[in-house]
PDB file of N, CA and C in Angstrom:
ATOM      1  N   UNK A   1       6.263   3.175 -17.753  1.00  0.00           N
ATOM      2  CA  UNK A   1       6.842   4.354 -17.138  1.00  0.00           C
ATOM      3  C   UNK A   1       7.164   4.020 -15.672  1.00  0.00           C
ATOM      4  N   UNK A   2       8.332   4.376 -15.186  1.00  0.00           N
ATOM      5  CA  UNK A   2       8.702   4.075 -13.789  1.00  0.00           C
ATOM      6  C   UNK A   2       7.757   4.726 -12.776  1.00  0.00           C
ATOM      7  N   UNK A   3       7.614   4.069 -11.629  1.00  0.00           N
ATOM      8  CA  UNK A   3       6.752   4.590 -10.571  1.00  0.00           C
ATOM      9  C   UNK A   3       7.090   6.015 -10.192  1.00  0.00           C
ATOM     10  N   UNK A   4       8.384   6.319 -10.043  1.00  0.00           N
ATOM     11  CA  UNK A   4       8.783   7.624  -9.533  1.00  0.00           C
ATOM     12  C   UNK A   4       8.330   8.759 -10.450  1.00  0.00           C
ATOM     13  N   UNK A   5       8.298   8.519 -11.749  1.00  0.00           N
ATOM     14  CA  UNK A   5       7.859   9.551 -12.687  1.00  0.00           C
ATOM     15  C   UNK A   5       6.361   9.790 -12.563  1.00  0.00           C
ATOM     16  N   UNK A   6       5.618   8.738 -12.237  1.00  0.00           N
ATOM     17  CA  UNK A   6       4.164   8.867 -12.092  1.00  0.00           C
ATOM     18  C   UNK A   6       3.751   9.275 -10.680  1.00  0.00           C
ATOM     19  N   UNK A   7       4.704   9.434  -9.783  1.00  0.00           N
ATOM     20  CA  UNK A   7       4.375   9.812  -8.409  1.00  0.00           C
ATOM     21  C   UNK A   7       3.784   8.672  -7.598  1.00  0.00           C
ATOM     22  N   UNK A   8       4.122   7.436  -7.949  1.00  0.00           N
ATOM     23  CA  UNK A   8       3.595   6.258  -7.266  1.00  0.00           C
ATOM     24  C   UNK A   8       4.677   5.664  -6.382  1.00  0.00           C
ATOM     25  N   UNK A   9       4.303   5.251  -5.189  1.00  0.00           N
ATOM     26  CA  UNK A   9       5.235   4.579  -4.281  1.00  0.00           C
ATOM     27  C   UNK A   9       4.796   3.138  -4.084  1.00  0.00           C
ATOM     28  N   UNK A  10       5.724   2.232  -4.223  1.00  0.00           N
ATOM     29  CA  UNK A  10       5.471   0.834  -3.917  1.00  0.00           C
ATOM     30  C   UNK A  10       6.222   0.548  -2.628  1.00  0.00           C
ATOM     31  N   UNK A  11       5.462   0.401  -1.536  1.00  0.00           N
ATOM     32  CA  UNK A  11       6.069   0.255  -0.225  1.00  0.00           C
ATOM     33  C   UNK A  11       5.939  -1.184   0.260  1.00  0.00           C
ATOM     34  N   UNK A  12       6.969  -1.651   0.930  1.00  0.00           N
ATOM     35  CA  UNK A  12       6.934  -2.999   1.455  1.00  0.00           C
ATOM     36  C   UNK A  12       8.197  -3.314   2.230  1.00  0.00           C
ATOM     37  N   UNK A  13       8.333  -4.552   2.571  1.00  0.00           N
ATOM     38  CA  UNK A  13       9.476  -4.989   3.357  1.00  0.00           C
ATOM     39  C   UNK A  13      10.109  -6.181   2.656  1.00  0.00           C
ATOM     40  N   UNK A  14      11.408  -6.102   2.435  1.00  0.00           N
ATOM     41  CA  UNK A  14      12.149  -7.223   1.860  1.00  0.00           C
ATOM     42  C   UNK A  14      12.591  -8.113   3.017  1.00  0.00           C
ATOM     43  N   UNK A  15      11.832  -9.149   3.267  1.00  0.00           N
ATOM     44  CA  UNK A  15      12.113  -9.980   4.437  1.00  0.00           C
ATOM     45  C   UNK A  15      12.358 -11.436   4.075  1.00  0.00           C
ATOM     46  N   UNK A  16      12.586 -11.728   2.803  1.00  0.00           N
ATOM     47  CA  UNK A  16      12.723 -13.119   2.357  1.00  0.00           C
ATOM     48  C   UNK A  16      13.877 -13.857   3.037  1.00  0.00           C
ATOM     49  N   UNK A  17      14.977 -13.167   3.340  1.00  0.00           N
ATOM     50  CA  UNK A  17      16.124 -13.827   3.951  1.00  0.00           C
ATOM     51  C   UNK A  17      16.128 -13.787   5.465  1.00  0.00           C
ATOM     52  N   UNK A  18      15.032 -13.353   6.057  1.00  0.00           N
ATOM     53  CA  UNK A  18      14.952 -13.218   7.510  1.00  0.00           C
ATOM     54  C   UNK A  18      14.214 -14.418   8.109  1.00  0.00           C
ATOM     55  N   UNK A  19      14.634 -14.829   9.290  1.00  0.00           N
ATOM     56  CA  UNK A  19      13.996 -15.962   9.967  1.00  0.00           C
ATOM     57  C   UNK A  19      12.506 -15.701  10.173  1.00  0.00           C
ATOM     58  N   UNK A  20      11.707 -16.741  10.037  1.00  0.00           N
ATOM     59  CA  UNK A  20      10.247 -16.626  10.121  1.00  0.00           C
ATOM     60  C   UNK A  20       9.795 -15.976  11.440  1.00  0.00           C
ATOM     61  N   UNK A  21      10.384 -16.363  12.550  1.00  0.00           N
ATOM     62  CA  UNK A  21       9.992 -15.816  13.854  1.00  0.00           C
ATOM     63  C   UNK A  21      10.233 -14.307  13.906  1.00  0.00           C
ATOM     64  N   UNK A  22      11.351 -13.873  13.355  1.00  0.00           N
ATOM     65  CA  UNK A  22      11.666 -12.452  13.353  1.00  0.00           C
ATOM     66  C   UNK A  22      10.718 -11.689  12.413  1.00  0.00           C
ATOM     67  N   UNK A  23      10.411 -12.262  11.244  1.00  0.00           N
ATOM     68  CA  UNK A  23       9.465 -11.628  10.327  1.00  0.00           C
ATOM     69  C   UNK A  23       8.099 -11.474  10.975  1.00  0.00           C
ATOM     70  N   UNK A  24       7.625 -12.532  11.640  1.00  0.00           N
ATOM     71  CA  UNK A  24       6.325 -12.479  12.312  1.00  0.00           C
ATOM     72  C   UNK A  24       6.297 -11.380  13.365  1.00  0.00           C
ATOM     73  N   UNK A  25       7.384 -11.250  14.103  1.00  0.00           N
ATOM     74  CA  UNK A  25       7.469 -10.234  15.150  1.00  0.00           C
ATOM     75  C   UNK A  25       7.409  -8.821  14.551  1.00  0.00           C
ATOM     76  N   UNK A  26       8.150  -8.597  13.472  1.00  0.00           N
ATOM     77  CA  UNK A  26       8.152  -7.278  12.832  1.00  0.00           C
ATOM     78  C   UNK A  26       6.783  -6.959  12.243  1.00  0.00           C
ATOM     79  N   UNK A  27       6.177  -7.918  11.557  1.00  0.00           N
ATOM     80  CA  UNK A  27       4.847  -7.684  10.976  1.00  0.00           C
ATOM     81  C   UNK A  27       3.811  -7.413  12.060  1.00  0.00           C
ATOM     82  N   UNK A  28       3.934  -8.098  13.196  1.00  0.00           N
ATOM     83  CA  UNK A  28       3.014  -7.858  14.320  1.00  0.00           C
ATOM     84  C   UNK A  28       3.153  -6.424  14.830  1.00  0.00           C
ATOM     85  N   UNK A  29       4.373  -5.945  14.915  1.00  0.00           N
ATOM     86  CA  UNK A  29       4.601  -4.561  15.354  1.00  0.00           C
ATOM     87  C   UNK A  29       4.092  -3.546  14.335  1.00  0.00           C
ATOM     88  N   UNK A  30       4.291  -3.851  13.050  1.00  0.00           N
ATOM     89  CA  UNK A  30       3.808  -2.946  12.003  1.00  0.00           C
ATOM     90  C   UNK A  30       2.287  -2.854  11.992  1.00  0.00           C
ATOM     91  N   UNK A  31       1.628  -3.918  12.419  1.00  0.00           N
ATOM     92  CA  UNK A  31       0.167  -3.904  12.494  1.00  0.00           C
ATOM     93  C   UNK A  31      -0.334  -3.321  13.808  1.00  0.00           C
ATOM     94  N   UNK A  32       0.575  -3.082  14.753  1.00  0.00           N
ATOM     95  CA  UNK A  32       0.185  -2.576  16.068  1.00  0.00           C
ATOM     96  C   UNK A  32       0.854  -1.261  16.413  1.00  0.00           C
ATOM     97  N   UNK A  33       1.837  -1.296  17.329  1.00  0.00           N
ATOM     98  CA  UNK A  33       2.421  -0.054  17.840  1.00  0.00           C
ATOM     99  C   UNK A  33       3.188   0.767  16.806  1.00  0.00           C
ATOM    100  N   UNK A  34       3.689   0.158  15.747  1.00  0.00           N
ATOM    101  CA  UNK A  34       4.434   0.918  14.733  1.00  0.00           C
ATOM    102  C   UNK A  34       3.546   1.420  13.600  1.00  0.00           C
ATOM    103  N   UNK A  35       2.270   1.077  13.641  1.00  0.00           N
ATOM    104  CA  UNK A  35       1.348   1.486  12.577  1.00  0.00           C
ATOM    105  C   UNK A  35       1.200   3.012  12.593  1.00  0.00           C
ATOM    106  N   UNK A  36       1.350   3.659  11.447  1.00  0.00           N
ATOM    107  CA  UNK A  36       1.231   5.124  11.414  1.00  0.00           C
ATOM    108  C   UNK A  36      -0.130   5.589  11.918  1.00  0.00           C
ATOM    109  N   UNK A  37      -0.130   6.595  12.756  1.00  0.00           N
ATOM    110  CA  UNK A  37      -1.372   7.104  13.353  1.00  0.00           C
ATOM    111  C   UNK A  37      -2.297   7.715  12.312  1.00  0.00           C
ATOM    112  N   UNK A  38      -1.755   8.273  11.266  1.00  0.00           N
ATOM    113  CA  UNK A  38      -2.557   8.979  10.260  1.00  0.00           C
ATOM    114  C   UNK A  38      -2.872   8.114   9.037  1.00  0.00           C
ATOM    115  N   UNK A  39      -2.773   6.808   9.167  1.00  0.00           N
ATOM    116  CA  UNK A  39      -2.969   5.905   8.040  1.00  0.00           C
ATOM    117  C   UNK A  39      -4.370   6.021   7.432  1.00  0.00           C
ATOM    118  N   UNK A  40      -5.385   6.230   8.251  1.00  0.00           N
ATOM    119  CA  UNK A  40      -6.754   6.370   7.739  1.00  0.00           C
ATOM    120  C   UNK A  40      -6.898   7.593   6.843  1.00  0.00           C
ATOM    121  N   UNK A  41      -6.154   8.649   7.140  1.00  0.00           N
ATOM    122  CA  UNK A  41      -6.214   9.855   6.313  1.00  0.00           C
ATOM    123  C   UNK A  41      -5.468   9.666   4.996  1.00  0.00           C
ATOM    124  N   UNK A  42      -4.444   8.833   5.001  1.00  0.00           N
ATOM    125  CA  UNK A  42      -3.650   8.590   3.797  1.00  0.00           C
ATOM    126  C   UNK A  42      -4.378   7.638   2.864  1.00  0.00           C
ATOM    127  N   UNK A  43      -4.897   6.552   3.408  1.00  0.00           N
ATOM    128  CA  UNK A  43      -5.587   5.546   2.609  1.00  0.00           C
ATOM    129  C   UNK A  43      -7.031   5.992   2.433  1.00  0.00           C
ATOM    130  N   UNK A  44      -7.349   6.434   1.226  1.00  0.00           N
ATOM    131  CA  UNK A  44      -8.686   6.951   0.969  1.00  0.00           C
ATOM    132  C   UNK A  44      -9.556   5.984   0.182  1.00  0.00           C
ATOM    133  N   UNK A  45      -8.953   4.881  -0.272  1.00  0.00           N
ATOM    134  CA  UNK A  45      -9.716   3.926  -1.072  1.00  0.00           C
ATOM    135  C   UNK A  45      -9.091   2.542  -0.976  1.00  0.00           C
ATOM    136  N   UNK A  46      -9.936   1.524  -0.980  1.00  0.00           N
ATOM    137  CA  UNK A  46      -9.485   0.144  -1.040  1.00  0.00           C
ATOM    138  C   UNK A  46     -10.114  -0.515  -2.255  1.00  0.00           C
ATOM    139  N   UNK A  47      -9.376  -1.415  -2.880  1.00  0.00           N
ATOM    140  CA  UNK A  47      -9.875  -2.137  -4.033  1.00  0.00           C
ATOM    141  C   UNK A  47      -9.266  -3.531  -4.057  1.00  0.00           C
ATOM    142  N   UNK A  48      -9.792  -4.378  -4.897  1.00  0.00           N
ATOM    143  CA  UNK A  48      -9.228  -5.708  -5.079  1.00  0.00           C
ATOM    144  C   UNK A  48      -8.507  -5.730  -6.424  1.00  0.00           C
ATOM    145  N   UNK A  49      -7.765  -6.790  -6.668  1.00  0.00           N
ATOM    146  CA  UNK A  49      -7.091  -6.923  -7.959  1.00  0.00           C
ATOM    147  C   UNK A  49      -8.101  -6.951  -9.103  1.00  0.00           C
ATOM    148  N   UNK A  50      -9.234  -7.609  -8.900  1.00  0.00           N
ATOM    149  CA  UNK A  50     -10.258  -7.682  -9.940  1.00  0.00           C
ATOM    150  C   UNK A  50     -10.871  -6.322 -10.247  1.00  0.00           C
ATOM    151  N   UNK A  51     -10.993  -5.463  -9.245  1.00  0.00           N
ATOM    152  CA  UNK A  51     -11.597  -4.136  -9.420  1.00  0.00           C
ATOM    153  C   UNK A  51     -10.602  -3.090  -9.923  1.00  0.00           C
ATOM    154  N   UNK A  52      -9.329  -3.424  -9.904  1.00  0.00           N
ATOM    155  CA  UNK A  52      -8.282  -2.458 -10.235  1.00  0.00           C
ATOM    156  C   UNK A  52      -8.433  -1.800 -11.608  1.00  0.00           C
ATOM    157  N   UNK A  53      -8.800  -2.528 -12.657  1.00  0.00           N
ATOM    158  CA  UNK A  53      -8.955  -1.862 -13.958  1.00  0.00           C
ATOM    159  C   UNK A  53      -9.976  -0.722 -13.953  1.00  0.00           C
ATOM    160  N   UNK A  54     -10.975  -0.784 -13.082  1.00  0.00           N
ATOM    161  CA  UNK A  54     -11.966   0.289 -12.999  1.00  0.00           C
ATOM    162  C   UNK A  54     -11.435   1.503 -12.234  1.00  0.00           C
ATOM    163  N   UNK A  55     -10.377   1.324 -11.464  1.00  0.00           N
ATOM    164  CA  UNK A  55      -9.798   2.409 -10.671  1.00  0.00           C
ATOM    165  C   UNK A  55      -8.869   3.289 -11.517  1.00  0.00           C
ATOM    166  N   UNK A  56      -8.185   2.681 -12.484  1.00  0.00           N
ATOM    167  CA  UNK A  56      -7.182   3.408 -13.269  1.00  0.00           C
ATOM    168  C   UNK A  56      -7.706   4.637 -14.010  1.00  0.00           C
ATOM    169  N   UNK A  57      -8.851   4.591 -14.672  1.00  0.00           N
ATOM    170  CA  UNK A  57      -9.305   5.795 -15.387  1.00  0.00           C
ATOM    171  C   UNK A  57      -9.461   7.018 -14.480  1.00  0.00           C
ATOM    172  N   UNK A  58      -9.974   6.816 -13.291  1.00  0.00           N
ATOM    173  CA  UNK A  58     -10.123   7.926 -12.340  1.00  0.00           C
ATOM    174  C   UNK A  58      -8.764   8.474 -11.932  1.00  0.00           C
ATOM    175  N   UNK A  59      -7.820   7.580 -11.669  1.00  0.00           N
ATOM    176  CA  UNK A  59      -6.472   7.998 -11.285  1.00  0.00           C
ATOM    177  C   UNK A  59      -5.802   8.780 -12.420  1.00  0.00           C
ATOM    178  N   UNK A  60      -5.880   8.237 -13.632  1.00  0.00           N
ATOM    179  CA  UNK A  60      -5.224   8.872 -14.769  1.00  0.00           C
ATOM    180  C   UNK A  60      -5.840  10.217 -15.116  1.00  0.00           C
ATOM    181  N   UNK A  61      -7.107  10.404 -14.776  1.00  0.00           N
ATOM    182  CA  UNK A  61      -7.783  11.674 -15.022  1.00  0.00           C
ATOM    183  C   UNK A  61      -7.534  12.684 -13.902  1.00  0.00           C
ATOM    184  N   UNK A  62      -6.748  12.278 -12.889  1.00  0.00           N
ATOM    185  CA  UNK A  62      -6.444  13.179 -11.775  1.00  0.00           C
ATOM    186  C   UNK A  62      -7.551  13.266 -10.748  1.00  0.00           C
ATOM    187  N   UNK A  63      -8.446  12.285 -10.746  1.00  0.00           N
ATOM    188  CA  UNK A  63      -9.591  12.318  -9.844  1.00  0.00           C
ATOM    189  C   UNK A  63      -9.422  11.548  -8.556  1.00  0.00           C
ATOM    190  N   UNK A  64      -8.218  11.103  -8.250  1.00  0.00           N
ATOM    191  CA  UNK A  64      -8.014  10.373  -7.001  1.00  0.00           C
ATOM    192  C   UNK A  64      -7.264  11.225  -5.998  1.00  0.00           C
ATOM    193  N   UNK A  65      -7.487  10.934  -4.732  1.00  0.00           N
ATOM    194  CA  UNK A  65      -6.834  11.649  -3.639  1.00  0.00           C
ATOM    195  C   UNK A  65      -6.328  10.628  -2.646  1.00  0.00           C
ATOM    196  N   UNK A  66      -5.155  10.831  -2.092  1.00  0.00           N
ATOM    197  CA  UNK A  66      -4.609   9.901  -1.111  1.00  0.00           C
ATOM    198  C   UNK A  66      -4.055   8.654  -1.771  1.00  0.00           C
ATOM    199  N   UNK A  67      -4.123   7.547  -1.053  1.00  0.00           N
ATOM    200  CA  UNK A  67      -3.545   6.297  -1.529  1.00  0.00           C
ATOM    201  C   UNK A  67      -4.636   5.234  -1.644  1.00  0.00           C
ATOM    202  N   UNK A  68      -4.463   4.363  -2.605  1.00  0.00           N
ATOM    203  CA  UNK A  68      -5.383   3.243  -2.794  1.00  0.00           C
ATOM    204  C   UNK A  68      -4.680   1.964  -2.367  1.00  0.00           C
ATOM    205  N   UNK A  69      -5.299   1.231  -1.473  1.00  0.00           N
ATOM    206  CA  UNK A  69      -4.767  -0.041  -1.003  1.00  0.00           C
ATOM    207  C   UNK A  69      -5.399  -1.146  -1.831  1.00  0.00           C
ATOM    208  N   UNK A  70      -4.569  -2.032  -2.366  1.00  0.00           N
ATOM    209  CA  UNK A  70      -5.053  -3.154  -3.142  1.00  0.00           C
ATOM    210  C   UNK A  70      -5.036  -4.388  -2.248  1.00  0.00           C
ATOM    211  N   UNK A  71      -6.207  -4.907  -1.955  1.00  0.00           N
ATOM    212  CA  UNK A  71      -6.346  -6.106  -1.117  1.00  0.00           C
ATOM    213  C   UNK A  71      -6.160  -7.331  -1.990  1.00  0.00           C
ATOM    214  N   UNK A  72      -5.236  -8.194  -1.594  1.00  0.00           N
ATOM    215  CA  UNK A  72      -4.972  -9.409  -2.361  1.00  0.00           C
ATOM    216  C   UNK A  72      -5.874 -10.537  -1.935  1.00  0.00           C
TER     217      UNK A  72
END
């Protein structure tokens, strides 16, 4: 099922064709002055790829709130 139907957003930056120096500069800004002020309120849970299967049942049952960050 597509993300949009499930209410899921996959956010990121398509930077593959951009020079490395410029990508580094943008990522540095995204981690600093451009970082959303309310990010802590949005991200309510962190998990790893290995732990992800245990997260899905709670999400599918409607028991999750906010966004879950998957640490690679």
